[in-house]
Amino acid sequence: MQKNYIIDTNVMIHDPYFLYKFEDNHITIPLICIEELDKLKSSSGYKGYHAREALRVINKFRQGNNLESGVDLPGGGKLRVELNQLDFTDLPDAIDRTKNDNKILAMVWNMSRNPQYANMRTILVSKDLAMSIKADSLGITVQDYQNDKVDIQKLYDGSGMSICHSCRSRKFIKEDWSFRIFLKRHYAIITIFFTSETMKTKIIRFWRKSKEIKWYL
C-alpha cells in the first residue's frame, strides 16, 4: 500500500534531496513549509544553502507541471504542495492556531480523515521532537526521517584546525572545521563544514584494505 508522507521543513533542511528517498510513495509538502524555506534561503551557513537547494530540487519537478494537482516522482509516487486542509475545528482548544507547526499538524489531521486519502496511510515526517510528541498525543502517525542513516562503521566524525586551503595556492588559515566521511565502495565522500559557515565536499578514491585515508583541504 502506498503511503502519503507529509514533510516538515526541518526534514528538507536536513536533507534537501529528500524527494528521492521515499520509493514509490506520495510526498506532500505544506505550502507553509515552502514559505519557511523562502525565509531560510538567505540565512548563512548550511541552513541557507540547504533551503536554497531544497527549493531548486522542488522547482525541478515543477517545470511544466502543476504541484497542486501532483507531479510524478522517479520512484512512482506523486509530489504535491498542499494549500488547504487547515481546519482546526476538531482539534483541542489548547493548540495555538498561529504557530506554523500546529498548522501542519492540523493539515495532517484533516488529510488523514479525508476520504480522498482513505486508500493510503498519511504519515507526518519530522525531526522536531516537540512536534512529534504533539502529533503522537493527537493520534497522528509520525516518523523521524531515517533515509539518510548509514552503517555506523562507515561513518566517521571529527574536528580540528585546518592547515591549508585551496588546491594551487596553499595559504595557511586558522579556522575551526568539522568533517563527515561517508565510505562507498572505493570512494570516500568528505564533507567539510567551516566555522565561517562555508562548506566543501571532496570525493577521494581509496583502497578499502588501507587503514587510513589521506586527504587535504
N, C-alpha and C. Protein backbone atom coordinates (compact mmCIF):
# COMPACT_ATOMS: atom_id res chain seq x y z
N MET A 1 0.83 -1.20 0.00
CA MET A 1 0.00 0.00 0.00
C MET A 1 0.87 1.26 0.00
N GLN A 2 0.57 2.16 -0.91
CA GLN A 2 1.31 3.42 -0.95
C GLN A 2 0.97 4.27 0.27
N LYS A 3 1.94 5.04 0.70
CA LYS A 3 1.75 5.94 1.84
C LYS A 3 1.81 7.39 1.36
N ASN A 4 1.22 8.26 2.14
CA ASN A 4 1.26 9.69 1.85
C ASN A 4 2.07 10.36 2.95
N TYR A 5 3.29 10.77 2.63
CA TYR A 5 4.17 11.38 3.61
C TYR A 5 4.06 12.90 3.57
N ILE A 6 3.78 13.51 4.72
CA ILE A 6 3.75 14.97 4.85
C ILE A 6 5.11 15.38 5.41
N ILE A 7 5.84 16.22 4.69
CA ILE A 7 7.22 16.53 5.04
C ILE A 7 7.32 17.86 5.77
N ASP A 8 7.92 17.83 6.96
CA ASP A 8 8.15 19.05 7.73
C ASP A 8 9.38 19.78 7.18
N THR A 9 9.44 21.08 7.44
CA THR A 9 10.54 21.91 6.93
C THR A 9 11.90 21.40 7.39
N ASN A 10 12.00 20.97 8.65
CA ASN A 10 13.31 20.56 9.18
C ASN A 10 13.88 19.34 8.44
N VAL A 11 13.01 18.53 7.85
CA VAL A 11 13.49 17.40 7.05
C VAL A 11 14.16 17.90 5.77
N MET A 12 13.55 18.90 5.14
CA MET A 12 14.11 19.46 3.90
C MET A 12 15.43 20.18 4.16
N ILE A 13 15.55 20.80 5.34
CA ILE A 13 16.81 21.45 5.69
C ILE A 13 17.87 20.39 6.01
N HIS A 14 17.45 19.32 6.63
CA HIS A 14 18.38 18.22 6.97
C HIS A 14 18.89 17.53 5.71
N ASP A 15 17.99 17.30 4.75
CA ASP A 15 18.35 16.60 3.51
C ASP A 15 17.57 17.21 2.35
N PRO A 16 18.16 18.15 1.61
CA PRO A 16 17.45 18.80 0.51
C PRO A 16 17.10 17.86 -0.64
N TYR A 17 17.63 16.63 -0.63
CA TYR A 17 17.35 15.67 -1.71
C TYR A 17 16.35 14.61 -1.24
N PHE A 18 15.54 14.97 -0.25
CA PHE A 18 14.58 14.04 0.36
C PHE A 18 13.60 13.47 -0.64
N LEU A 19 13.31 14.20 -1.72
CA LEU A 19 12.31 13.74 -2.69
C LEU A 19 12.67 12.40 -3.33
N TYR A 20 13.93 12.05 -3.32
CA TYR A 20 14.38 10.81 -3.96
C TYR A 20 14.44 9.64 -2.97
N LYS A 21 13.99 9.83 -1.74
CA LYS A 21 14.22 8.84 -0.69
C LYS A 21 12.96 8.10 -0.22
N PHE A 22 11.83 8.29 -0.89
CA PHE A 22 10.58 7.71 -0.38
C PHE A 22 9.98 6.65 -1.32
N GLU A 23 10.83 6.05 -2.13
CA GLU A 23 10.45 4.94 -3.00
C GLU A 23 9.23 5.31 -3.84
N ASP A 24 8.18 4.46 -3.83
CA ASP A 24 7.02 4.71 -4.70
C ASP A 24 5.87 5.40 -3.96
N ASN A 25 6.17 5.99 -2.81
CA ASN A 25 5.13 6.64 -2.02
C ASN A 25 4.91 8.09 -2.44
N HIS A 26 3.78 8.65 -2.01
CA HIS A 26 3.45 10.04 -2.33
C HIS A 26 4.07 10.97 -1.29
N ILE A 27 4.43 12.16 -1.74
CA ILE A 27 5.01 13.17 -0.85
C ILE A 27 4.17 14.44 -0.95
N THR A 28 3.77 14.95 0.22
CA THR A 28 3.02 16.20 0.27
C THR A 28 3.83 17.22 1.06
N ILE A 29 4.01 18.39 0.48
CA ILE A 29 4.71 19.48 1.15
C ILE A 29 3.69 20.57 1.47
N PRO A 30 3.50 20.90 2.74
CA PRO A 30 2.59 22.00 3.08
C PRO A 30 3.12 23.32 2.51
N LEU A 31 2.24 24.16 2.00
CA LEU A 31 2.65 25.46 1.47
C LEU A 31 3.39 26.26 2.53
N ILE A 32 3.00 26.07 3.79
CA ILE A 32 3.67 26.75 4.90
C ILE A 32 5.17 26.44 4.90
N CYS A 33 5.53 25.21 4.57
CA CYS A 33 6.94 24.81 4.56
C CYS A 33 7.70 25.50 3.43
N ILE A 34 7.05 25.71 2.29
CA ILE A 34 7.68 26.46 1.20
C ILE A 34 7.95 27.88 1.67
N GLU A 35 7.01 28.45 2.41
CA GLU A 35 7.19 29.80 2.96
C GLU A 35 8.39 29.83 3.91
N GLU A 36 8.51 28.80 4.73
CA GLU A 36 9.63 28.75 5.67
C GLU A 36 10.96 28.59 4.95
N LEU A 37 10.99 27.78 3.89
CA LEU A 37 12.21 27.66 3.09
C LEU A 37 12.58 29.00 2.46
N ASP A 38 11.57 29.72 2.03
CA ASP A 38 11.80 31.04 1.41
C ASP A 38 12.45 32.00 2.40
N LYS A 39 12.03 31.92 3.67
CA LYS A 39 12.62 32.78 4.70
C LYS A 39 14.04 32.35 5.05
N LEU A 40 14.27 31.03 5.01
CA LEU A 40 15.57 30.50 5.41
C LEU A 40 16.63 30.59 4.31
N LYS A 41 16.21 30.77 3.06
CA LYS A 41 17.16 30.70 1.94
C LYS A 41 18.26 31.75 1.99
N SER A 42 18.00 32.86 2.69
CA SER A 42 19.01 33.92 2.78
C SER A 42 19.87 33.78 4.03
N SER A 43 19.63 32.73 4.82
CA SER A 43 20.44 32.51 6.02
C SER A 43 21.86 32.11 5.64
N SER A 44 22.81 32.41 6.51
CA SER A 44 24.18 32.00 6.26
C SER A 44 24.37 30.55 6.71
N GLY A 45 25.40 29.92 6.22
CA GLY A 45 25.70 28.56 6.62
C GLY A 45 24.88 27.51 5.92
N TYR A 46 24.89 26.31 6.49
CA TYR A 46 24.27 25.18 5.81
C TYR A 46 22.76 25.32 5.73
N LYS A 47 22.11 26.01 6.69
CA LYS A 47 20.66 26.16 6.65
C LYS A 47 20.22 26.90 5.39
N GLY A 48 20.89 28.01 5.11
CA GLY A 48 20.57 28.77 3.91
C GLY A 48 20.86 27.99 2.65
N TYR A 49 22.02 27.30 2.65
CA TYR A 49 22.40 26.51 1.48
C TYR A 49 21.39 25.38 1.24
N HIS A 50 21.01 24.66 2.29
CA HIS A 50 20.08 23.54 2.13
C HIS A 50 18.68 24.03 1.78
N ALA A 51 18.29 25.20 2.30
CA ALA A 51 16.98 25.76 1.92
C ALA A 51 16.94 26.08 0.44
N ARG A 52 17.99 26.70 -0.05
CA ARG A 52 18.06 27.04 -1.49
C ARG A 52 18.11 25.77 -2.34
N GLU A 53 18.86 24.77 -1.88
CA GLU A 53 18.99 23.54 -2.64
C GLU A 53 17.66 22.78 -2.67
N ALA A 54 16.96 22.75 -1.54
CA ALA A 54 15.65 22.08 -1.48
C ALA A 54 14.67 22.75 -2.44
N LEU A 55 14.68 24.08 -2.48
CA LEU A 55 13.80 24.81 -3.40
C LEU A 55 14.15 24.50 -4.85
N ARG A 56 15.45 24.37 -5.13
CA ARG A 56 15.88 24.05 -6.50
C ARG A 56 15.40 22.65 -6.91
N VAL A 57 15.50 21.70 -5.98
CA VAL A 57 15.06 20.33 -6.28
C VAL A 57 13.55 20.30 -6.52
N ILE A 58 12.79 20.99 -5.68
CA ILE A 58 11.33 21.04 -5.85
C ILE A 58 10.98 21.72 -7.17
N ASN A 59 11.70 22.78 -7.47
CA ASN A 59 11.44 23.53 -8.71
C ASN A 59 11.71 22.68 -9.95
N LYS A 60 12.67 21.76 -9.83
CA LYS A 60 12.98 20.87 -10.96
C LYS A 60 11.75 20.06 -11.36
N PHE A 61 10.96 19.63 -10.38
CA PHE A 61 9.75 18.85 -10.67
C PHE A 61 8.58 19.76 -11.06
N ARG A 62 8.65 21.02 -10.69
CA ARG A 62 7.57 21.95 -11.01
C ARG A 62 7.52 22.31 -12.48
N GLN A 63 8.66 22.30 -13.15
CA GLN A 63 8.75 22.79 -14.52
C GLN A 63 7.73 22.11 -15.42
N GLY A 64 6.78 22.90 -15.91
CA GLY A 64 5.76 22.40 -16.82
C GLY A 64 4.70 21.55 -16.17
N ASN A 65 4.67 21.49 -14.83
CA ASN A 65 3.71 20.67 -14.12
C ASN A 65 2.97 21.50 -13.07
N ASN A 66 1.92 20.92 -12.54
CA ASN A 66 1.11 21.59 -11.53
C ASN A 66 1.31 20.89 -10.19
N LEU A 67 2.00 21.56 -9.26
CA LEU A 67 2.30 20.94 -7.98
C LEU A 67 1.07 20.80 -7.10
N GLU A 68 0.03 21.57 -7.36
CA GLU A 68 -1.19 21.44 -6.56
C GLU A 68 -1.92 20.13 -6.87
N SER A 69 -1.97 19.78 -8.14
CA SER A 69 -2.65 18.54 -8.53
C SER A 69 -1.73 17.33 -8.43
N GLY A 70 -0.41 17.56 -8.46
CA GLY A 70 0.54 16.47 -8.29
C GLY A 70 1.38 16.20 -9.51
N VAL A 71 2.66 15.95 -9.31
CA VAL A 71 3.58 15.62 -10.39
C VAL A 71 4.24 14.29 -10.07
N ASP A 72 4.61 13.56 -11.09
CA ASP A 72 5.21 12.23 -10.92
C ASP A 72 6.63 12.32 -10.37
N LEU A 73 6.94 11.42 -9.45
CA LEU A 73 8.29 11.29 -8.89
C LEU A 73 8.98 10.09 -9.53
N PRO A 74 10.32 10.08 -9.55
CA PRO A 74 11.05 8.97 -10.20
C PRO A 74 10.68 7.59 -9.65
N GLY A 75 10.36 7.50 -8.36
CA GLY A 75 10.05 6.20 -7.76
C GLY A 75 8.66 5.68 -8.05
N GLY A 76 7.79 6.53 -8.60
CA GLY A 76 6.44 6.09 -8.91
C GLY A 76 5.35 6.81 -8.14
N GLY A 77 5.72 7.53 -7.08
CA GLY A 77 4.74 8.30 -6.32
C GLY A 77 4.49 9.66 -6.95
N LYS A 78 3.77 10.50 -6.22
CA LYS A 78 3.49 11.85 -6.70
C LYS A 78 3.91 12.88 -5.66
N LEU A 79 4.30 14.03 -6.14
CA LEU A 79 4.65 15.16 -5.29
C LEU A 79 3.56 16.21 -5.39
N ARG A 80 3.06 16.65 -4.24
CA ARG A 80 2.04 17.69 -4.20
C ARG A 80 2.43 18.77 -3.19
N VAL A 81 2.00 19.99 -3.47
CA VAL A 81 2.06 21.06 -2.48
C VAL A 81 0.63 21.31 -2.01
N GLU A 82 0.39 21.11 -0.72
CA GLU A 82 -0.96 21.24 -0.16
C GLU A 82 -1.22 22.69 0.28
N LEU A 83 -2.30 23.26 -0.24
CA LEU A 83 -2.62 24.66 0.02
C LEU A 83 -3.66 24.82 1.12
N ASN A 84 -4.44 23.78 1.38
CA ASN A 84 -5.59 23.91 2.28
C ASN A 84 -5.50 22.94 3.47
N GLN A 85 -6.61 22.38 3.87
CA GLN A 85 -6.69 21.39 4.96
C GLN A 85 -6.23 21.97 6.30
N LEU A 86 -6.52 23.25 6.57
CA LEU A 86 -6.05 23.89 7.79
C LEU A 86 -7.16 24.10 8.83
N ASP A 87 -8.20 23.31 8.76
CA ASP A 87 -9.33 23.44 9.68
C ASP A 87 -8.96 22.91 11.07
N PHE A 88 -9.10 23.76 12.10
CA PHE A 88 -8.77 23.38 13.48
C PHE A 88 -10.00 22.92 14.27
N THR A 89 -11.16 22.82 13.63
CA THR A 89 -12.42 22.59 14.34
C THR A 89 -12.37 21.42 15.31
N ASP A 90 -11.83 20.29 14.90
CA ASP A 90 -11.86 19.07 15.72
C ASP A 90 -10.63 18.90 16.59
N LEU A 91 -9.77 19.89 16.60
CA LEU A 91 -8.54 19.79 17.40
C LEU A 91 -8.72 20.47 18.75
N PRO A 92 -7.94 20.08 19.76
CA PRO A 92 -8.09 20.66 21.11
C PRO A 92 -7.90 22.17 21.13
N ASP A 93 -8.61 22.82 22.05
CA ASP A 93 -8.53 24.29 22.17
C ASP A 93 -7.15 24.75 22.62
N ALA A 94 -6.40 23.85 23.27
CA ALA A 94 -5.08 24.23 23.79
C ALA A 94 -4.05 24.49 22.69
N ILE A 95 -4.35 24.05 21.47
CA ILE A 95 -3.39 24.23 20.37
C ILE A 95 -3.39 25.68 19.89
N ASP A 96 -2.22 26.26 19.84
CA ASP A 96 -2.05 27.64 19.35
C ASP A 96 -2.19 27.63 17.83
N ARG A 97 -3.24 28.26 17.34
CA ARG A 97 -3.53 28.21 15.90
C ARG A 97 -2.65 29.13 15.07
N THR A 98 -1.84 29.95 15.73
CA THR A 98 -0.98 30.88 14.98
C THR A 98 0.38 30.28 14.64
N LYS A 99 0.73 29.15 15.27
CA LYS A 99 2.05 28.55 15.03
C LYS A 99 2.04 27.67 13.78
N ASN A 100 3.09 27.80 12.98
CA ASN A 100 3.18 27.02 11.75
C ASN A 100 3.20 25.52 12.01
N ASP A 101 3.90 25.09 13.07
CA ASP A 101 3.95 23.67 13.39
C ASP A 101 2.55 23.12 13.62
N ASN A 102 1.72 23.89 14.32
CA ASN A 102 0.36 23.43 14.61
C ASN A 102 -0.52 23.47 13.38
N LYS A 103 -0.23 24.38 12.46
CA LYS A 103 -0.96 24.41 11.19
C LYS A 103 -0.65 23.15 10.38
N ILE A 104 0.60 22.72 10.44
CA ILE A 104 0.99 21.49 9.74
C ILE A 104 0.31 20.29 10.40
N LEU A 105 0.25 20.28 11.74
CA LEU A 105 -0.44 19.20 12.44
C LEU A 105 -1.92 19.15 12.05
N ALA A 106 -2.55 20.33 11.95
CA ALA A 106 -3.96 20.38 11.53
C ALA A 106 -4.12 19.82 10.13
N MET A 107 -3.16 20.13 9.26
CA MET A 107 -3.21 19.64 7.89
C MET A 107 -3.13 18.11 7.85
N VAL A 108 -2.19 17.55 8.62
CA VAL A 108 -2.04 16.10 8.65
C VAL A 108 -3.29 15.46 9.25
N TRP A 109 -3.81 16.04 10.31
CA TRP A 109 -5.03 15.55 10.96
C TRP A 109 -6.18 15.46 9.96
N ASN A 110 -6.40 16.54 9.23
CA ASN A 110 -7.51 16.59 8.28
C ASN A 110 -7.30 15.68 7.07
N MET A 111 -6.07 15.60 6.58
CA MET A 111 -5.80 14.74 5.43
C MET A 111 -5.97 13.27 5.79
N SER A 112 -5.61 12.91 7.03
CA SER A 112 -5.73 11.51 7.45
C SER A 112 -7.20 11.09 7.57
N ARG A 113 -8.08 12.07 7.67
CA ARG A 113 -9.52 11.78 7.78
C ARG A 113 -10.28 12.11 6.51
N ASN A 114 -9.57 12.55 5.49
CA ASN A 114 -10.20 12.91 4.22
C ASN A 114 -10.41 11.65 3.37
N PRO A 115 -11.64 11.43 2.89
CA PRO A 115 -11.92 10.23 2.06
C PRO A 115 -11.02 10.14 0.83
N GLN A 116 -10.51 11.28 0.38
CA GLN A 116 -9.63 11.30 -0.80
C GLN A 116 -8.36 10.48 -0.55
N TYR A 117 -7.96 10.38 0.74
CA TYR A 117 -6.73 9.67 1.09
C TYR A 117 -7.02 8.40 1.87
N ALA A 118 -8.25 7.90 1.76
CA ALA A 118 -8.67 6.73 2.54
C ALA A 118 -7.92 5.46 2.16
N ASN A 119 -7.38 5.39 0.95
CA ASN A 119 -6.71 4.17 0.49
C ASN A 119 -5.21 4.16 0.80
N MET A 120 -4.75 5.10 1.60
CA MET A 120 -3.33 5.14 1.95
C MET A 120 -3.15 5.72 3.35
N ARG A 121 -2.05 5.36 3.99
CA ARG A 121 -1.73 5.92 5.31
C ARG A 121 -1.11 7.29 5.15
N THR A 122 -1.55 8.24 5.96
CA THR A 122 -0.97 9.58 5.96
C THR A 122 -0.02 9.68 7.14
N ILE A 123 1.23 10.01 6.87
CA ILE A 123 2.28 9.99 7.89
C ILE A 123 3.04 11.31 7.88
N LEU A 124 3.17 11.90 9.04
CA LEU A 124 3.99 13.11 9.19
C LEU A 124 5.44 12.69 9.38
N VAL A 125 6.35 13.34 8.65
CA VAL A 125 7.79 13.08 8.81
C VAL A 125 8.43 14.36 9.34
N SER A 126 9.00 14.27 10.54
CA SER A 126 9.57 15.46 11.18
C SER A 126 10.75 15.06 12.05
N LYS A 127 11.70 15.98 12.19
CA LYS A 127 12.82 15.77 13.09
C LYS A 127 12.67 16.63 14.35
N ASP A 128 11.52 17.27 14.50
CA ASP A 128 11.23 18.13 15.64
C ASP A 128 10.60 17.29 16.75
N LEU A 129 11.28 17.16 17.89
CA LEU A 129 10.78 16.32 18.97
C LEU A 129 9.46 16.83 19.54
N ALA A 130 9.34 18.14 19.76
CA ALA A 130 8.11 18.70 20.31
C ALA A 130 6.93 18.44 19.38
N MET A 131 7.17 18.63 18.09
CA MET A 131 6.11 18.39 17.12
C MET A 131 5.72 16.91 17.08
N SER A 132 6.71 16.04 17.19
CA SER A 132 6.44 14.60 17.19
C SER A 132 5.62 14.19 18.41
N ILE A 133 5.93 14.79 19.57
CA ILE A 133 5.18 14.49 20.79
C ILE A 133 3.73 14.95 20.64
N LYS A 134 3.53 16.17 20.11
CA LYS A 134 2.17 16.68 19.92
C LYS A 134 1.40 15.81 18.92
N ALA A 135 2.08 15.41 17.84
CA ALA A 135 1.43 14.58 16.83
C ALA A 135 0.99 13.25 17.43
N ASP A 136 1.88 12.66 18.21
CA ASP A 136 1.55 11.37 18.82
C ASP A 136 0.38 11.50 19.80
N SER A 137 0.33 12.60 20.55
CA SER A 137 -0.76 12.79 21.51
C SER A 137 -2.10 13.00 20.80
N LEU A 138 -2.04 13.46 19.54
CA LEU A 138 -3.27 13.67 18.75
C LEU A 138 -3.67 12.42 17.96
N GLY A 139 -2.86 11.38 18.08
CA GLY A 139 -3.15 10.15 17.33
C GLY A 139 -2.70 10.22 15.89
N ILE A 140 -1.81 11.16 15.59
CA ILE A 140 -1.27 11.29 14.23
C ILE A 140 -0.03 10.41 14.11
N THR A 141 0.05 9.63 13.05
CA THR A 141 1.23 8.80 12.82
C THR A 141 2.39 9.70 12.42
N VAL A 142 3.49 9.61 13.16
CA VAL A 142 4.65 10.47 12.90
C VAL A 142 5.90 9.62 12.91
N GLN A 143 6.83 9.97 12.01
CA GLN A 143 8.11 9.24 11.91
C GLN A 143 9.25 10.23 11.85
N ASP A 144 10.38 9.81 12.41
CA ASP A 144 11.62 10.57 12.22
C ASP A 144 12.11 10.29 10.80
N TYR A 145 12.89 11.20 10.26
CA TYR A 145 13.46 10.98 8.93
C TYR A 145 14.66 10.06 9.06
N GLN A 146 14.58 8.87 8.50
CA GLN A 146 15.60 7.85 8.66
C GLN A 146 16.36 7.54 7.37
N ASN A 147 15.97 8.14 6.26
CA ASN A 147 16.50 7.72 4.97
C ASN A 147 17.94 8.15 4.71
N ASP A 148 18.51 8.92 5.64
CA ASP A 148 19.91 9.30 5.47
C ASP A 148 20.82 8.51 6.39
N LYS A 149 20.26 7.51 7.10
CA LYS A 149 21.07 6.74 8.06
C LYS A 149 21.97 5.76 7.31
N VAL A 150 23.21 5.62 7.80
CA VAL A 150 24.15 4.66 7.22
C VAL A 150 24.73 3.82 8.35
N ASP A 151 25.43 2.75 7.96
CA ASP A 151 26.09 1.87 8.93
C ASP A 151 27.08 2.70 9.74
N ILE A 152 26.98 2.61 11.07
CA ILE A 152 27.85 3.40 11.94
C ILE A 152 29.32 3.10 11.69
N GLN A 153 29.63 1.90 11.19
CA GLN A 153 31.01 1.53 10.91
C GLN A 153 31.54 2.28 9.68
N LYS A 154 30.62 2.86 8.91
CA LYS A 154 31.04 3.55 7.70
C LYS A 154 30.94 5.07 7.82
N LEU A 155 30.67 5.54 9.02
CA LEU A 155 30.50 6.97 9.21
C LEU A 155 31.42 7.45 10.32
N TYR A 156 32.23 8.44 10.00
CA TYR A 156 33.18 8.95 10.96
C TYR A 156 32.99 10.45 11.08
N ASP A 157 33.11 10.96 12.29
CA ASP A 157 33.05 12.40 12.51
C ASP A 157 34.33 12.84 13.19
N GLY A 158 34.76 14.05 12.91
CA GLY A 158 35.95 14.54 13.56
C GLY A 158 36.01 16.04 13.49
N SER A 159 36.95 16.62 14.17
CA SER A 159 37.10 18.06 14.11
C SER A 159 38.56 18.41 14.35
N GLY A 160 38.92 19.63 14.03
CA GLY A 160 40.30 20.02 14.23
C GLY A 160 40.55 21.41 13.72
N MET A 161 41.80 21.73 13.48
CA MET A 161 42.17 23.04 12.97
C MET A 161 42.68 22.86 11.55
N SER A 162 42.08 23.59 10.61
CA SER A 162 42.50 23.45 9.22
C SER A 162 43.92 23.98 9.05
N ILE A 163 44.69 23.33 8.19
CA ILE A 163 46.09 23.71 7.99
C ILE A 163 46.26 24.51 6.71
N CYS A 164 45.68 24.03 5.62
CA CYS A 164 45.82 24.75 4.37
C CYS A 164 44.53 24.66 3.57
N HIS A 165 44.35 25.58 2.67
CA HIS A 165 43.12 25.64 1.90
C HIS A 165 43.46 26.05 0.47
N SER A 166 42.73 25.52 -0.47
CA SER A 166 42.86 25.75 -1.91
C SER A 166 43.90 24.81 -2.50
N CYS A 167 43.66 24.44 -3.77
CA CYS A 167 44.49 23.42 -4.40
C CYS A 167 45.83 23.97 -4.89
N ARG A 168 45.82 25.16 -5.48
CA ARG A 168 47.05 25.67 -6.11
C ARG A 168 47.87 26.53 -5.14
N SER A 169 47.26 27.54 -4.57
CA SER A 169 47.99 28.40 -3.65
C SER A 169 47.64 27.99 -2.23
N ARG A 170 48.51 27.24 -1.61
CA ARG A 170 48.25 26.75 -0.25
C ARG A 170 48.48 27.87 0.75
N LYS A 171 47.41 28.48 1.20
CA LYS A 171 47.54 29.55 2.18
C LYS A 171 47.10 29.02 3.54
N PHE A 172 47.84 29.37 4.57
CA PHE A 172 47.51 28.89 5.90
C PHE A 172 46.36 29.71 6.47
N ILE A 173 45.40 29.02 7.04
CA ILE A 173 44.26 29.70 7.66
C ILE A 173 44.03 29.12 9.04
N LYS A 174 43.53 29.93 9.93
CA LYS A 174 43.21 29.48 11.28
C LYS A 174 41.69 29.49 11.42
N GLU A 175 41.11 28.37 11.12
CA GLU A 175 39.66 28.29 11.15
C GLU A 175 39.25 26.90 11.59
N ASP A 176 38.40 26.82 12.59
CA ASP A 176 37.92 25.52 13.05
C ASP A 176 37.06 24.87 11.99
N TRP A 177 37.12 23.57 11.94
CA TRP A 177 36.29 22.85 10.98
C TRP A 177 35.84 21.53 11.57
N SER A 178 34.80 20.99 11.01
CA SER A 178 34.36 19.65 11.36
C SER A 178 34.11 18.91 10.06
N PHE A 179 34.19 17.59 10.10
CA PHE A 179 34.01 16.86 8.85
C PHE A 179 33.20 15.60 9.07
N ARG A 180 32.64 15.10 8.00
CA ARG A 180 31.92 13.83 7.99
C ARG A 180 32.38 13.04 6.77
N ILE A 181 32.74 11.79 6.97
CA ILE A 181 33.22 10.95 5.88
C ILE A 181 32.24 9.79 5.67
N PHE A 182 31.82 9.62 4.43
CA PHE A 182 30.94 8.50 4.08
C PHE A 182 31.67 7.62 3.09
N LEU A 183 31.93 6.37 3.45
CA LEU A 183 32.66 5.45 2.59
C LEU A 183 31.70 4.67 1.71
N LYS A 184 31.97 4.68 0.42
CA LYS A 184 31.14 3.94 -0.53
C LYS A 184 32.04 3.28 -1.56
N ARG A 185 32.08 1.94 -1.49
CA ARG A 185 32.97 1.16 -2.36
C ARG A 185 34.38 1.69 -2.24
N HIS A 186 34.95 2.20 -3.34
CA HIS A 186 36.33 2.66 -3.30
C HIS A 186 36.42 4.18 -3.28
N TYR A 187 35.37 4.83 -2.81
CA TYR A 187 35.38 6.28 -2.74
C TYR A 187 35.03 6.76 -1.35
N ALA A 188 35.65 7.82 -0.93
CA ALA A 188 35.30 8.47 0.33
C ALA A 188 34.71 9.84 -0.02
N ILE A 189 33.50 10.08 0.44
CA ILE A 189 32.86 11.38 0.22
C ILE A 189 33.01 12.17 1.51
N ILE A 190 33.80 13.23 1.45
CA ILE A 190 34.14 14.01 2.64
C ILE A 190 33.46 15.36 2.55
N THR A 191 32.65 15.68 3.55
CA THR A 191 32.01 16.99 3.61
C THR A 191 32.63 17.76 4.77
N ILE A 192 33.18 18.93 4.48
CA ILE A 192 33.87 19.73 5.49
C ILE A 192 33.04 20.97 5.78
N PHE A 193 32.76 21.21 7.05
CA PHE A 193 31.99 22.38 7.47
C PHE A 193 32.93 23.34 8.20
N PHE A 194 33.06 24.57 7.71
CA PHE A 194 33.93 25.56 8.33
C PHE A 194 33.13 26.46 9.27
N THR A 195 33.80 27.05 10.24
CA THR A 195 33.10 27.95 11.16
C THR A 195 32.69 29.24 10.47
N SER A 196 33.28 29.53 9.32
CA SER A 196 32.86 30.70 8.55
C SER A 196 31.55 30.42 7.84
N GLU A 197 30.99 29.20 8.10
CA GLU A 197 29.69 28.77 7.59
C GLU A 197 29.72 28.50 6.09
N THR A 198 30.91 28.12 5.59
CA THR A 198 31.00 27.63 4.23
C THR A 198 31.16 26.11 4.30
N MET A 199 30.99 25.48 3.16
CA MET A 199 31.03 24.02 3.14
C MET A 199 31.78 23.56 1.89
N LYS A 200 32.54 22.50 2.00
CA LYS A 200 33.28 21.97 0.86
C LYS A 200 33.11 20.46 0.85
N THR A 201 32.93 19.89 -0.33
CA THR A 201 32.81 18.43 -0.45
C THR A 201 33.93 17.91 -1.34
N LYS A 202 34.60 16.85 -0.91
CA LYS A 202 35.66 16.23 -1.69
C LYS A 202 35.31 14.76 -1.88
N ILE A 203 35.61 14.23 -3.06
CA ILE A 203 35.44 12.80 -3.34
C ILE A 203 36.82 12.22 -3.63
N ILE A 204 37.24 11.25 -2.85
CA ILE A 204 38.60 10.71 -2.93
C ILE A 204 38.54 9.21 -3.16
N ARG A 205 39.33 8.72 -4.11
CA ARG A 205 39.42 7.28 -4.35
C ARG A 205 40.41 6.67 -3.35
N PHE A 206 40.10 5.49 -2.82
CA PHE A 206 41.00 4.86 -1.86
C PHE A 206 40.88 3.34 -1.98
N TRP A 207 41.84 2.64 -1.37
CA TRP A 207 41.85 1.18 -1.37
C TRP A 207 41.25 0.71 -0.06
N ARG A 208 40.17 -0.10 -0.12
CA ARG A 208 39.39 -0.44 1.07
C ARG A 208 40.22 -1.13 2.16
N LYS A 209 41.27 -1.85 1.77
CA LYS A 209 42.07 -2.56 2.78
C LYS A 209 43.04 -1.62 3.49
N SER A 210 43.16 -0.41 2.96
CA SER A 210 44.05 0.55 3.60
C SER A 210 43.48 0.97 4.95
N LYS A 211 44.35 1.19 5.93
CA LYS A 211 43.90 1.54 7.28
C LYS A 211 43.73 3.04 7.46
N GLU A 212 44.09 3.83 6.45
CA GLU A 212 43.93 5.27 6.59
C GLU A 212 43.60 5.91 5.25
N ILE A 213 42.96 7.04 5.32
CA ILE A 213 42.62 7.82 4.12
C ILE A 213 43.34 9.14 4.23
N LYS A 214 44.19 9.46 3.28
CA LYS A 214 44.91 10.72 3.29
C LYS A 214 44.16 11.73 2.42
N TRP A 215 43.93 12.90 2.98
CA TRP A 215 43.23 13.93 2.21
C TRP A 215 43.64 15.30 2.72
N TYR A 216 43.50 16.28 1.88
CA TYR A 216 43.91 17.65 2.19
C TYR A 216 42.74 18.60 1.88
N LEU A 217 42.64 19.66 2.65
CA LEU A 217 41.55 20.61 2.44
C LEU A 217 41.79 21.45 1.20
